[in-house]
Amino acid sequence: MEKGSFRRTFEFAGYGFLPSLVGSAITVPMSLHYISQAEIPKISFAQLQQNPDVMKEVMLSLIPKDFVHSNLIINIAVTIWSLTIWSFAIKHAREIELRKAFICALIPTLIFGAYQIWSILKMS
């Protein structure tokens, strides 16, 4: 039989977003550092009309690979941390076993992870 309320589940699951704040506190200053050092080339409107992909190439050239890799590592750590919190939040809010709560939290996490990987691959 199902126990717990949706409101309580929603409240508990909200704590799973706290790691995102910590991750942002790390990645935002890193981003500002790289942005402040970026040298942006001049692109004419004619160049953009001839080859719209030139903007993508410029953006990729501005982002250092070590920044991308460090951001990826931080995002993976934050996601695992959030998944852990969500698993325990669902376990305690719905009074179910941890294995079932983990599976319940894992499904949206995997969907979001797949979206992030697709976005990175699309950018490359």
PDB file of N, CA and C in Angstrom:
ATOM      1  N   MET A   1       0.844  -1.184   0.000  1.00  0.00           N
ATOM      2  CA  MET A   1       0.000   0.000   0.000  1.00  0.00           C
ATOM      3  C   MET A   1       0.889   1.247   0.000  1.00  0.00           C
ATOM      4  N   GLU A   2       0.465   2.241  -0.736  1.00  0.00           N
ATOM      5  CA  GLU A   2       1.228   3.476  -0.883  1.00  0.00           C
ATOM      6  C   GLU A   2       1.099   4.336   0.372  1.00  0.00           C
ATOM      7  N   LYS A   3       2.229   4.838   0.842  1.00  0.00           N
ATOM      8  CA  LYS A   3       2.232   5.701   2.020  1.00  0.00           C
ATOM      9  C   LYS A   3       2.842   7.037   1.632  1.00  0.00           C
ATOM     10  N   GLY A   4       2.610   8.033   2.448  1.00  0.00           N
ATOM     11  CA  GLY A   4       3.187   9.346   2.209  1.00  0.00           C
ATOM     12  C   GLY A   4       2.384  10.136   1.194  1.00  0.00           C
ATOM     13  N   SER A   5       2.594  11.439   1.210  1.00  0.00           N
ATOM     14  CA  SER A   5       1.852  12.300   0.289  1.00  0.00           C
ATOM     15  C   SER A   5       2.776  12.826  -0.804  1.00  0.00           C
ATOM     16  N   PHE A   6       2.144  13.281  -1.888  1.00  0.00           N
ATOM     17  CA  PHE A   6       2.913  13.859  -2.983  1.00  0.00           C
ATOM     18  C   PHE A   6       3.606  15.137  -2.516  1.00  0.00           C
ATOM     19  N   ARG A   7       2.917  15.923  -1.710  1.00  0.00           N
ATOM     20  CA  ARG A   7       3.508  17.175  -1.208  1.00  0.00           C
ATOM     21  C   ARG A   7       4.778  16.895  -0.414  1.00  0.00           C
ATOM     22  N   ARG A   8       4.736  15.901   0.444  1.00  0.00           N
ATOM     23  CA  ARG A   8       5.912  15.561   1.249  1.00  0.00           C
ATOM     24  C   ARG A   8       7.046  15.062   0.343  1.00  0.00           C
ATOM     25  N   THR A   9       6.712  14.270  -0.652  1.00  0.00           N
ATOM     26  CA  THR A   9       7.714  13.793  -1.613  1.00  0.00           C
ATOM     27  C   THR A   9       8.342  14.972  -2.339  1.00  0.00           C
ATOM     28  N   PHE A  10       7.516  15.902  -2.771  1.00  0.00           N
ATOM     29  CA  PHE A  10       7.983  17.091  -3.476  1.00  0.00           C
ATOM     30  C   PHE A  10       8.909  17.923  -2.586  1.00  0.00           C
ATOM     31  N   GLU A  11       8.528  18.089  -1.313  1.00  0.00           N
ATOM     32  CA  GLU A  11       9.344  18.855  -0.370  1.00  0.00           C
ATOM     33  C   GLU A  11      10.705  18.183  -0.155  1.00  0.00           C
ATOM     34  N   PHE A  12      10.701  16.890   0.072  1.00  0.00           N
ATOM     35  CA  PHE A  12      11.944  16.165   0.319  1.00  0.00           C
ATOM     36  C   PHE A  12      12.840  16.166  -0.916  1.00  0.00           C
ATOM     37  N   ALA A  13      12.232  15.971  -2.074  1.00  0.00           N
ATOM     38  CA  ALA A  13      13.014  15.917  -3.316  1.00  0.00           C
ATOM     39  C   ALA A  13      13.646  17.267  -3.635  1.00  0.00           C
ATOM     40  N   GLY A  14      13.068  18.339  -3.141  1.00  0.00           N
ATOM     41  CA  GLY A  14      13.632  19.672  -3.364  1.00  0.00           C
ATOM     42  C   GLY A  14      15.043  19.805  -2.837  1.00  0.00           C
ATOM     43  N   TYR A  15      15.361  19.084  -1.780  1.00  0.00           N
ATOM     44  CA  TYR A  15      16.718  19.123  -1.224  1.00  0.00           C
ATOM     45  C   TYR A  15      17.751  18.572  -2.210  1.00  0.00           C
ATOM     46  N   GLY A  16      17.304  17.775  -3.159  1.00  0.00           N
ATOM     47  CA  GLY A  16      18.211  17.212  -4.155  1.00  0.00           C
ATOM     48  C   GLY A  16      18.769  18.254  -5.105  1.00  0.00           C
ATOM     49  N   PHE A  17      18.217  19.456  -5.088  1.00  0.00           N
ATOM     50  CA  PHE A  17      18.724  20.513  -5.952  1.00  0.00           C
ATOM     51  C   PHE A  17      19.798  21.362  -5.276  1.00  0.00           C
ATOM     52  N   LEU A  18      20.039  21.153  -3.995  1.00  0.00           N
ATOM     53  CA  LEU A  18      21.089  21.892  -3.290  1.00  0.00           C
ATOM     54  C   LEU A  18      22.487  21.649  -3.882  1.00  0.00           C
ATOM     55  N   PRO A  19      22.823  20.427  -4.285  1.00  0.00           N
ATOM     56  CA  PRO A  19      24.135  20.236  -4.913  1.00  0.00           C
ATOM     57  C   PRO A  19      24.329  21.080  -6.174  1.00  0.00           C
ATOM     58  N   SER A  20      23.255  21.387  -6.867  1.00  0.00           N
ATOM     59  CA  SER A  20      23.365  22.241  -8.059  1.00  0.00           C
ATOM     60  C   SER A  20      23.843  23.633  -7.681  1.00  0.00           C
ATOM     61  N   LEU A  21      23.407  24.121  -6.530  1.00  0.00           N
ATOM     62  CA  LEU A  21      23.875  25.427  -6.063  1.00  0.00           C
ATOM     63  C   LEU A  21      25.373  25.393  -5.761  1.00  0.00           C
ATOM     64  N   VAL A  22      25.815  24.313  -5.150  1.00  0.00           N
ATOM     65  CA  VAL A  22      27.248  24.163  -4.853  1.00  0.00           C
ATOM     66  C   VAL A  22      28.028  24.073  -6.162  1.00  0.00           C
ATOM     67  N   GLY A  23      27.525  23.281  -7.109  1.00  0.00           N
ATOM     68  CA  GLY A  23      28.182  23.160  -8.404  1.00  0.00           C
ATOM     69  C   GLY A  23      28.264  24.495  -9.122  1.00  0.00           C
ATOM     70  N   SER A  24      27.187  25.276  -9.051  1.00  0.00           N
ATOM     71  CA  SER A  24      27.193  26.598  -9.685  1.00  0.00           C
ATOM     72  C   SER A  24      28.187  27.533  -9.007  1.00  0.00           C
ATOM     73  N   ALA A  25      28.312  27.410  -7.693  1.00  0.00           N
ATOM     74  CA  ALA A  25      29.273  28.248  -6.970  1.00  0.00           C
ATOM     75  C   ALA A  25      30.704  27.952  -7.412  1.00  0.00           C
ATOM     76  N   ILE A  26      30.934  26.779  -7.947  1.00  0.00           N
ATOM     77  CA  ILE A  26      32.266  26.409  -8.451  1.00  0.00           C
ATOM     78  C   ILE A  26      32.405  26.781  -9.923  1.00  0.00           C
ATOM     79  N   THR A  27      31.412  26.450 -10.728  1.00  0.00           N
ATOM     80  CA  THR A  27      31.544  26.617 -12.183  1.00  0.00           C
ATOM     81  C   THR A  27      31.365  28.055 -12.662  1.00  0.00           C
ATOM     82  N   VAL A  28      30.551  28.845 -11.981  1.00  0.00           N
ATOM     83  CA  VAL A  28      30.346  30.228 -12.420  1.00  0.00           C
ATOM     84  C   VAL A  28      31.644  31.036 -12.338  1.00  0.00           C
ATOM     85  N   PRO A  29      32.377  30.998 -11.222  1.00  0.00           N
ATOM     86  CA  PRO A  29      33.655  31.726 -11.207  1.00  0.00           C
ATOM     87  C   PRO A  29      34.648  31.209 -12.252  1.00  0.00           C
ATOM     88  N   MET A  30      34.645  29.887 -12.484  1.00  0.00           N
ATOM     89  CA  MET A  30      35.525  29.344 -13.524  1.00  0.00           C
ATOM     90  C   MET A  30      35.133  29.906 -14.889  1.00  0.00           C
ATOM     91  N   SER A  31      33.838  29.967 -15.157  1.00  0.00           N
ATOM     92  CA  SER A  31      33.357  30.504 -16.433  1.00  0.00           C
ATOM     93  C   SER A  31      33.748  31.970 -16.585  1.00  0.00           C
ATOM     94  N   LEU A  32      33.575  32.732 -15.516  1.00  0.00           N
ATOM     95  CA  LEU A  32      33.944  34.143 -15.565  1.00  0.00           C
ATOM     96  C   LEU A  32      35.432  34.318 -15.841  1.00  0.00           C
ATOM     97  N   HIS A  33      36.245  33.452 -15.268  1.00  0.00           N
ATOM     98  CA  HIS A  33      37.692  33.502 -15.501  1.00  0.00           C
ATOM     99  C   HIS A  33      38.007  33.279 -16.978  1.00  0.00           C
ATOM    100  N   TYR A  34      37.424  32.263 -17.568  1.00  0.00           N
ATOM    101  CA  TYR A  34      37.695  31.969 -18.979  1.00  0.00           C
ATOM    102  C   TYR A  34      37.100  33.025 -19.911  1.00  0.00           C
ATOM    103  N   ILE A  35      35.936  33.554 -19.553  1.00  0.00           N
ATOM    104  CA  ILE A  35      35.318  34.592 -20.380  1.00  0.00           C
ATOM    105  C   ILE A  35      36.167  35.855 -20.369  1.00  0.00           C
ATOM    106  N   SER A  36      36.694  36.195 -19.209  1.00  0.00           N
ATOM    107  CA  SER A  36      37.502  37.419 -19.117  1.00  0.00           C
ATOM    108  C   SER A  36      38.791  37.319 -19.923  1.00  0.00           C
ATOM    109  N   GLN A  37      39.281  36.112 -20.163  1.00  0.00           N
ATOM    110  CA  GLN A  37      40.521  35.930 -20.915  1.00  0.00           C
ATOM    111  C   GLN A  37      40.288  35.623 -22.395  1.00  0.00           C
ATOM    112  N   ALA A  38      39.052  35.509 -22.806  1.00  0.00           N
ATOM    113  CA  ALA A  38      38.742  35.144 -24.184  1.00  0.00           C
ATOM    114  C   ALA A  38      39.035  36.291 -25.143  1.00  0.00           C
ATOM    115  N   GLU A  39      39.620  35.945 -26.269  1.00  0.00           N
ATOM    116  CA  GLU A  39      39.848  36.908 -27.334  1.00  0.00           C
ATOM    117  C   GLU A  39      38.874  36.575 -28.457  1.00  0.00           C
ATOM    118  N   ILE A  40      37.901  37.437 -28.632  1.00  0.00           N
ATOM    119  CA  ILE A  40      36.825  37.182 -29.584  1.00  0.00           C
ATOM    120  C   ILE A  40      37.209  37.760 -30.945  1.00  0.00           C
ATOM    121  N   PRO A  41      37.262  36.907 -31.959  1.00  0.00           N
ATOM    122  CA  PRO A  41      37.599  37.406 -33.299  1.00  0.00           C
ATOM    123  C   PRO A  41      36.434  38.197 -33.903  1.00  0.00           C
ATOM    124  N   LYS A  42      36.761  39.102 -34.773  1.00  0.00           N
ATOM    125  CA  LYS A  42      35.720  39.897 -35.453  1.00  0.00           C
ATOM    126  C   LYS A  42      35.170  39.064 -36.609  1.00  0.00           C
ATOM    127  N   ILE A  43      33.847  39.007 -36.663  1.00  0.00           N
ATOM    128  CA  ILE A  43      33.165  38.262 -37.715  1.00  0.00           C
ATOM    129  C   ILE A  43      32.209  39.227 -38.408  1.00  0.00           C
ATOM    130  N   SER A  44      32.288  39.284 -39.714  1.00  0.00           N
ATOM    131  CA  SER A  44      31.399  40.171 -40.461  1.00  0.00           C
ATOM    132  C   SER A  44      30.074  39.463 -40.741  1.00  0.00           C
ATOM    133  N   PHE A  45      29.086  40.266 -41.028  1.00  0.00           N
ATOM    134  CA  PHE A  45      27.780  39.721 -41.372  1.00  0.00           C
ATOM    135  C   PHE A  45      27.853  38.896 -42.657  1.00  0.00           C
ATOM    136  N   ALA A  46      28.717  39.319 -43.550  1.00  0.00           N
ATOM    137  CA  ALA A  46      28.890  38.592 -44.813  1.00  0.00           C
ATOM    138  C   ALA A  46      29.451  37.192 -44.558  1.00  0.00           C
ATOM    139  N   GLN A  47      30.394  37.079 -43.610  1.00  0.00           N
ATOM    140  CA  GLN A  47      30.950  35.761 -43.275  1.00  0.00           C
ATOM    141  C   GLN A  47      29.862  34.850 -42.703  1.00  0.00           C
ATOM    142  N   LEU A  48      29.001  35.412 -41.871  1.00  0.00           N
ATOM    143  CA  LEU A  48      27.916  34.623 -41.288  1.00  0.00           C
ATOM    144  C   LEU A  48      26.919  34.172 -42.348  1.00  0.00           C
ATOM    145  N   GLN A  49      26.678  35.027 -43.341  1.00  0.00           N
ATOM    146  CA  GLN A  49      25.743  34.658 -44.406  1.00  0.00           C
ATOM    147  C   GLN A  49      26.323  33.552 -45.286  1.00  0.00           C
ATOM    148  N   GLN A  50      27.622  33.620 -45.537  1.00  0.00           N
ATOM    149  CA  GLN A  50      28.253  32.613 -46.388  1.00  0.00           C
ATOM    150  C   GLN A  50      28.346  31.265 -45.691  1.00  0.00           C
ATOM    151  N   ASN A  51      28.665  31.292 -44.396  1.00  0.00           N
ATOM    152  CA  ASN A  51      28.845  30.053 -43.648  1.00  0.00           C
ATOM    153  C   ASN A  51      28.318  30.233 -42.219  1.00  0.00           C
ATOM    154  N   PRO A  52      27.076  29.851 -41.953  1.00  0.00           N
ATOM    155  CA  PRO A  52      26.514  30.019 -40.607  1.00  0.00           C
ATOM    156  C   PRO A  52      27.250  29.196 -39.546  1.00  0.00           C
ATOM    157  N   ASP A  53      27.965  28.155 -39.957  1.00  0.00           N
ATOM    158  CA  ASP A  53      28.696  27.326 -38.998  1.00  0.00           C
ATOM    159  C   ASP A  53      29.929  28.024 -38.445  1.00  0.00           C
ATOM    160  N   VAL A  54      30.285  29.175 -39.018  1.00  0.00           N
ATOM    161  CA  VAL A  54      31.464  29.892 -38.536  1.00  0.00           C
ATOM    162  C   VAL A  54      31.270  30.327 -37.077  1.00  0.00           C
ATOM    163  N   MET A  55      30.042  30.653 -36.698  1.00  0.00           N
ATOM    164  CA  MET A  55      29.769  31.050 -35.309  1.00  0.00           C
ATOM    165  C   MET A  55      30.002  29.879 -34.350  1.00  0.00           C
ATOM    166  N   LYS A  56      29.595  28.698 -34.754  1.00  0.00           N
ATOM    167  CA  LYS A  56      29.820  27.501 -33.934  1.00  0.00           C
ATOM    168  C   LYS A  56      31.316  27.250 -33.770  1.00  0.00           C
ATOM    169  N   GLU A  57      32.062  27.405 -34.856  1.00  0.00           N
ATOM    170  CA  GLU A  57      33.517  27.204 -34.805  1.00  0.00           C
ATOM    171  C   GLU A  57      34.183  28.222 -33.893  1.00  0.00           C
ATOM    172  N   VAL A  58      33.723  29.471 -33.950  1.00  0.00           N
ATOM    173  CA  VAL A  58      34.287  30.515 -33.082  1.00  0.00           C
ATOM    174  C   VAL A  58      33.997  30.191 -31.622  1.00  0.00           C
ATOM    175  N   MET A  59      32.770  29.796 -31.322  1.00  0.00           N
ATOM    176  CA  MET A  59      32.398  29.469 -29.934  1.00  0.00           C
ATOM    177  C   MET A  59      33.224  28.299 -29.402  1.00  0.00           C
ATOM    178  N   LEU A  60      33.402  27.283 -30.233  1.00  0.00           N
ATOM    179  CA  LEU A  60      34.192  26.130 -29.798  1.00  0.00           C
ATOM    180  C   LEU A  60      35.656  26.498 -29.604  1.00  0.00           C
ATOM    181  N   SER A  61      36.160  27.443 -30.380  1.00  0.00           N
ATOM    182  CA  SER A  61      37.551  27.851 -30.227  1.00  0.00           C
ATOM    183  C   SER A  61      37.759  28.686 -28.968  1.00  0.00           C
ATOM    184  N   LEU A  62      36.709  29.324 -28.465  1.00  0.00           N
ATOM    185  CA  LEU A  62      36.815  30.149 -27.263  1.00  0.00           C
ATOM    186  C   LEU A  62      36.793  29.324 -25.985  1.00  0.00           C
ATOM    187  N   ILE A  63      36.229  28.130 -26.053  1.00  0.00           N
ATOM    188  CA  ILE A  63      36.071  27.296 -24.859  1.00  0.00           C
ATOM    189  C   ILE A  63      37.226  26.306 -24.782  1.00  0.00           C
ATOM    190  N   PRO A  64      38.119  26.470 -23.801  1.00  0.00           N
ATOM    191  CA  PRO A  64      39.243  25.533 -23.667  1.00  0.00           C
ATOM    192  C   PRO A  64      38.758  24.128 -23.277  1.00  0.00           C
ATOM    193  N   LYS A  65      39.469  23.132 -23.780  1.00  0.00           N
ATOM    194  CA  LYS A  65      39.094  21.734 -23.504  1.00  0.00           C
ATOM    195  C   LYS A  65      39.158  21.412 -22.008  1.00  0.00           C
ATOM    196  N   ASP A  66      40.150  21.965 -21.279  1.00  0.00           N
ATOM    197  CA  ASP A  66      40.242  21.666 -19.849  1.00  0.00           C
ATOM    198  C   ASP A  66      39.042  22.227 -19.086  1.00  0.00           C
ATOM    199  N   PHE A  67      38.488  23.342 -19.555  1.00  0.00           N
ATOM    200  CA  PHE A  67      37.281  23.893 -18.941  1.00  0.00           C
ATOM    201  C   PHE A  67      36.096  22.966 -19.172  1.00  0.00           C
ATOM    202  N   VAL A  68      35.968  22.468 -20.376  1.00  0.00           N
ATOM    203  CA  VAL A  68      34.872  21.545 -20.702  1.00  0.00           C
ATOM    204  C   VAL A  68      34.983  20.276 -19.855  1.00  0.00           C
ATOM    205  N   HIS A  69      36.197  19.732 -19.754  1.00  0.00           N
ATOM    206  CA  HIS A  69      36.390  18.498 -18.980  1.00  0.00           C
ATOM    207  C   HIS A  69      36.143  18.718 -17.490  1.00  0.00           C
ATOM    208  N   SER A  70      36.624  19.828 -16.940  1.00  0.00           N
ATOM    209  CA  SER A  70      36.405  20.081 -15.513  1.00  0.00           C
ATOM    210  C   SER A  70      34.929  20.320 -15.227  1.00  0.00           C
ATOM    211  N   ASN A  71      34.252  21.026 -16.122  1.00  0.00           N
ATOM    212  CA  ASN A  71      32.808  21.224 -15.956  1.00  0.00           C
ATOM    213  C   ASN A  71      32.064  19.901 -16.002  1.00  0.00           C
ATOM    214  N   LEU A  72      32.474  19.024 -16.905  1.00  0.00           N
ATOM    215  CA  LEU A  72      31.844  17.715 -17.029  1.00  0.00           C
ATOM    216  C   LEU A  72      32.011  16.904 -15.742  1.00  0.00           C
ATOM    217  N   ILE A  73      33.204  16.912 -15.187  1.00  0.00           N
ATOM    218  CA  ILE A  73      33.466  16.175 -13.941  1.00  0.00           C
ATOM    219  C   ILE A  73      32.626  16.742 -12.799  1.00  0.00           C
ATOM    220  N   ILE A  74      32.576  18.064 -12.704  1.00  0.00           N
ATOM    221  CA  ILE A  74      31.773  18.692 -11.644  1.00  0.00           C
ATOM    222  C   ILE A  74      30.295  18.351 -11.829  1.00  0.00           C
ATOM    223  N   ASN A  75      29.801  18.396 -13.063  1.00  0.00           N
ATOM    224  CA  ASN A  75      28.390  18.078 -13.316  1.00  0.00           C
ATOM    225  C   ASN A  75      28.062  16.623 -12.995  1.00  0.00           C
ATOM    226  N   ILE A  76      28.972  15.720 -13.289  1.00  0.00           N
ATOM    227  CA  ILE A  76      28.748  14.309 -12.952  1.00  0.00           C
ATOM    228  C   ILE A  76      28.695  14.132 -11.436  1.00  0.00           C
ATOM    229  N   ALA A  77      29.618  14.766 -10.732  1.00  0.00           N
ATOM    230  CA  ALA A  77      29.632  14.670  -9.266  1.00  0.00           C
ATOM    231  C   ALA A  77      28.357  15.248  -8.657  1.00  0.00           C
ATOM    232  N   VAL A  78      27.916  16.388  -9.161  1.00  0.00           N
ATOM    233  CA  VAL A  78      26.692  17.017  -8.670  1.00  0.00           C
ATOM    234  C   VAL A  78      25.484  16.123  -8.950  1.00  0.00           C
ATOM    235  N   THR A  79      25.449  15.512 -10.119  1.00  0.00           N
ATOM    236  CA  THR A  79      24.330  14.642 -10.475  1.00  0.00           C
ATOM    237  C   THR A  79      24.276  13.413  -9.570  1.00  0.00           C
ATOM    238  N   ILE A  80      25.424  12.821  -9.294  1.00  0.00           N
ATOM    239  CA  ILE A  80      25.461  11.650  -8.397  1.00  0.00           C
ATOM    240  C   ILE A  80      25.048  12.051  -6.986  1.00  0.00           C
ATOM    241  N   TRP A  81      25.515  13.189  -6.540  1.00  0.00           N
ATOM    242  CA  TRP A  81      25.150  13.704  -5.218  1.00  0.00           C
ATOM    243  C   TRP A  81      23.630  13.943  -5.151  1.00  0.00           C
ATOM    244  N   SER A  82      23.078  14.565  -6.172  1.00  0.00           N
ATOM    245  CA  SER A  82      21.630  14.812  -6.222  1.00  0.00           C
ATOM    246  C   SER A  82      20.850  13.498  -6.249  1.00  0.00           C
ATOM    247  N   LEU A  83      21.319  12.550  -7.049  1.00  0.00           N
ATOM    248  CA  LEU A  83      20.654  11.245  -7.133  1.00  0.00           C
ATOM    249  C   LEU A  83      20.611  10.568  -5.761  1.00  0.00           C
ATOM    250  N   THR A  84      21.680  10.675  -5.021  1.00  0.00           N
ATOM    251  CA  THR A  84      21.719  10.096  -3.675  1.00  0.00           C
ATOM    252  C   THR A  84      20.681  10.754  -2.771  1.00  0.00           C
ATOM    253  N   ILE A  85      20.643  12.080  -2.810  1.00  0.00           N
ATOM    254  CA  ILE A  85      19.665  12.798  -1.981  1.00  0.00           C
ATOM    255  C   ILE A  85      18.250  12.451  -2.405  1.00  0.00           C
ATOM    256  N   TRP A  86      17.990  12.433  -3.711  1.00  0.00           N
ATOM    257  CA  TRP A  86      16.646  12.098  -4.200  1.00  0.00           C
ATOM    258  C   TRP A  86      16.231  10.695  -3.794  1.00  0.00           C
ATOM    259  N   SER A  87      17.175   9.759  -3.830  1.00  0.00           N
ATOM    260  CA  SER A  87      16.855   8.375  -3.441  1.00  0.00           C
ATOM    261  C   SER A  87      16.404   8.321  -1.985  1.00  0.00           C
ATOM    262  N   PHE A  88      17.155   8.966  -1.110  1.00  0.00           N
ATOM    263  CA  PHE A  88      16.785   8.950   0.308  1.00  0.00           C
ATOM    264  C   PHE A  88      15.528   9.787   0.566  1.00  0.00           C
ATOM    265  N   ALA A  89      15.340  10.853  -0.211  1.00  0.00           N
ATOM    266  CA  ALA A  89      14.131  11.666  -0.054  1.00  0.00           C
ATOM    267  C   ALA A  89      12.891  10.848  -0.400  1.00  0.00           C
ATOM    268  N   ILE A  90      12.950  10.133  -1.503  1.00  0.00           N
ATOM    269  CA  ILE A  90      11.807   9.309  -1.906  1.00  0.00           C
ATOM    270  C   ILE A  90      11.593   8.172  -0.916  1.00  0.00           C
ATOM    271  N   LYS A  91      12.684   7.578  -0.458  1.00  0.00           N
ATOM    272  CA  LYS A  91      12.589   6.483   0.516  1.00  0.00           C
ATOM    273  C   LYS A  91      11.833   6.941   1.767  1.00  0.00           C
ATOM    274  N   HIS A  92      12.231   8.097   2.307  1.00  0.00           N
ATOM    275  CA  HIS A  92      11.624   8.554   3.557  1.00  0.00           C
ATOM    276  C   HIS A  92      10.252   9.201   3.346  1.00  0.00           C
ATOM    277  N   ALA A  93      10.049   9.873   2.228  1.00  0.00           N
ATOM    278  CA  ALA A  93       8.756  10.525   1.994  1.00  0.00           C
ATOM    279  C   ALA A  93       7.659   9.513   1.685  1.00  0.00           C
ATOM    280  N   ARG A  94       8.014   8.456   0.954  1.00  0.00           N
ATOM    281  CA  ARG A  94       7.014   7.464   0.552  1.00  0.00           C
ATOM    282  C   ARG A  94       7.079   6.178   1.377  1.00  0.00           C
ATOM    283  N   GLU A  95       8.063   6.103   2.250  1.00  0.00           N
ATOM    284  CA  GLU A  95       8.242   4.936   3.119  1.00  0.00           C
ATOM    285  C   GLU A  95       8.338   3.647   2.312  1.00  0.00           C
ATOM    286  N   ILE A  96       9.276   3.664   1.351  1.00  0.00           N
ATOM    287  CA  ILE A  96       9.535   2.474   0.539  1.00  0.00           C
ATOM    288  C   ILE A  96      10.991   2.082   0.731  1.00  0.00           C
ATOM    289  N   GLU A  97      11.350   0.892   0.253  1.00  0.00           N
ATOM    290  CA  GLU A  97      12.731   0.441   0.412  1.00  0.00           C
ATOM    291  C   GLU A  97      13.652   1.254  -0.500  1.00  0.00           C
ATOM    292  N   LEU A  98      14.909   1.353  -0.098  1.00  0.00           N
ATOM    293  CA  LEU A  98      15.886   2.203  -0.779  1.00  0.00           C
ATOM    294  C   LEU A  98      16.080   1.788  -2.240  1.00  0.00           C
ATOM    295  N   ARG A  99      16.074   0.512  -2.515  1.00  0.00           N
ATOM    296  CA  ARG A  99      16.265   0.025  -3.893  1.00  0.00           C
ATOM    297  C   ARG A  99      15.185   0.584  -4.818  1.00  0.00           C
ATOM    298  N   LYS A 100      13.932   0.524  -4.385  1.00  0.00           N
ATOM    299  CA  LYS A 100      12.830   1.047  -5.193  1.00  0.00           C
ATOM    300  C   LYS A 100      12.916   2.567  -5.325  1.00  0.00           C
ATOM    301  N   ALA A 101      13.299   3.232  -4.244  1.00  0.00           N
ATOM    302  CA  ALA A 101      13.441   4.691  -4.278  1.00  0.00           C
ATOM    303  C   ALA A 101      14.562   5.097  -5.229  1.00  0.00           C
ATOM    304  N   PHE A 102      15.657   4.336  -5.219  1.00  0.00           N
ATOM    305  CA  PHE A 102      16.778   4.623  -6.115  1.00  0.00           C
ATOM    306  C   PHE A 102      16.352   4.493  -7.575  1.00  0.00           C
ATOM    307  N   ILE A 103      15.624   3.437  -7.891  1.00  0.00           N
ATOM    308  CA  ILE A 103      15.150   3.232  -9.264  1.00  0.00           C
ATOM    309  C   ILE A 103      14.225   4.381  -9.666  1.00  0.00           C
ATOM    310  N   CYS A 104      13.376   4.786  -8.747  1.00  0.00           N
ATOM    311  CA  CYS A 104      12.440   5.885  -9.006  1.00  0.00           C
ATOM    312  C   CYS A 104      13.201   7.188  -9.288  1.00  0.00           C
ATOM    313  N   ALA A 105      14.253   7.460  -8.558  1.00  0.00           N
ATOM    314  CA  ALA A 105      15.052   8.676  -8.757  1.00  0.00           C
ATOM    315  C   ALA A 105      15.971   8.543  -9.967  1.00  0.00           C
ATOM    316  N   LEU A 106      16.365   7.327 -10.282  1.00  0.00           N
ATOM    317  CA  LEU A 106      17.302   7.097 -11.382  1.00  0.00           C
ATOM    318  C   LEU A 106      16.678   7.376 -12.751  1.00  0.00           C
ATOM    319  N   ILE A 107      15.417   7.095 -12.907  1.00  0.00           N
ATOM    320  CA  ILE A 107      14.770   7.244 -14.225  1.00  0.00           C
ATOM    321  C   ILE A 107      14.870   8.682 -14.752  1.00  0.00           C
ATOM    322  N   PRO A 108      14.412   9.708 -14.020  1.00  0.00           N
ATOM    323  CA  PRO A 108      14.562  11.068 -14.563  1.00  0.00           C
ATOM    324  C   PRO A 108      16.019  11.518 -14.641  1.00  0.00           C
ATOM    325  N   THR A 109      16.847  11.000 -13.748  1.00  0.00           N
ATOM    326  CA  THR A 109      18.265  11.349 -13.773  1.00  0.00           C
ATOM    327  C   THR A 109      18.919  10.832 -15.054  1.00  0.00           C
ATOM    328  N   LEU A 110      18.591   9.609 -15.455  1.00  0.00           N
ATOM    329  CA  LEU A 110      19.142   9.054 -16.698  1.00  0.00           C
ATOM    330  C   LEU A 110      18.635   9.808 -17.923  1.00  0.00           C
ATOM    331  N   ILE A 111      17.375  10.192 -17.893  1.00  0.00           N
ATOM    332  CA  ILE A 111      16.826  10.958 -19.020  1.00  0.00           C
ATOM    333  C   ILE A 111      17.551  12.290 -19.142  1.00  0.00           C
ATOM    334  N   PHE A 112      17.740  12.971 -18.022  1.00  0.00           N
ATOM    335  CA  PHE A 112      18.446  14.248 -18.039  1.00  0.00           C
ATOM    336  C   PHE A 112      19.904  14.054 -18.444  1.00  0.00           C
ATOM    337  N   GLY A 113      20.534  12.988 -17.960  1.00  0.00           N
ATOM    338  CA  GLY A 113      21.916  12.697 -18.338  1.00  0.00           C
ATOM    339  C   GLY A 113      22.049  12.436 -19.824  1.00  0.00           C
ATOM    340  N   ALA A 114      21.101  11.701 -20.391  1.00  0.00           N
ATOM    341  CA  ALA A 114      21.118  11.440 -21.833  1.00  0.00           C
ATOM    342  C   ALA A 114      20.980  12.735 -22.617  1.00  0.00           C
ATOM    343  N   TYR A 115      20.136  13.632 -22.128  1.00  0.00           N
ATOM    344  CA  TYR A 115      19.976  14.932 -22.773  1.00  0.00           C
ATOM    345  C   TYR A 115      21.276  15.738 -22.723  1.00  0.00           C
ATOM    346  N   GLN A 116      21.955  15.717 -21.574  1.00  0.00           N
ATOM    347  CA  GLN A 116      23.223  16.442 -21.449  1.00  0.00           C
ATOM    348  C   GLN A 116      24.278  15.871 -22.392  1.00  0.00           C
ATOM    349  N   ILE A 117      24.371  14.567 -22.475  1.00  0.00           N
ATOM    350  CA  ILE A 117      25.342  13.933 -23.374  1.00  0.00           C
ATOM    351  C   ILE A 117      25.010  14.278 -24.822  1.00  0.00           C
ATOM    352  N   TRP A 118      23.730  14.231 -25.182  1.00  0.00           N
ATOM    353  CA  TRP A 118      23.306  14.586 -26.535  1.00  0.00           C
ATOM    354  C   TRP A 118      23.688  16.036 -26.846  1.00  0.00           C
ATOM    355  N   SER A 119      23.498  16.933 -25.880  1.00  0.00           N
ATOM    356  CA  SER A 119      23.846  18.348 -26.083  1.00  0.00           C
ATOM    357  C   SER A 119      25.336  18.530 -26.309  1.00  0.00           C
ATOM    358  N   ILE A 120      26.152  17.806 -25.546  1.00  0.00           N
ATOM    359  CA  ILE A 120      27.608  17.911 -25.698  1.00  0.00           C
ATOM    360  C   ILE A 120      28.048  17.352 -27.048  1.00  0.00           C
ATOM    361  N   LEU A 121      27.487  16.211 -27.429  1.00  0.00           N
ATOM    362  CA  LEU A 121      27.837  15.613 -28.718  1.00  0.00           C
ATOM    363  C   LEU A 121      27.376  16.485 -29.876  1.00  0.00           C
ATOM    364  N   LYS A 122      26.250  17.111 -29.728  1.00  0.00           N
ATOM    365  CA  LYS A 122      25.729  17.988 -30.771  1.00  0.00           C
ATOM    366  C   LYS A 122      26.628  19.212 -30.945  1.00  0.00           C
ATOM    367  N   MET A 123      27.218  19.666 -29.856  1.00  0.00           N
ATOM    368  CA  MET A 123      28.092  20.837 -29.882  1.00  0.00           C
ATOM    369  C   MET A 123      29.424  20.533 -30.552  1.00  0.00           C
ATOM    370  N   SER A 124      29.877  19.309 -30.443  1.00  0.00           N
ATOM    371  CA  SER A 124      31.195  18.927 -30.970  1.00  0.00           C
ATOM    372  C   SER A 124      31.202  18.850 -32.479  1.00  0.00           C
TER     373      SER A 124
END
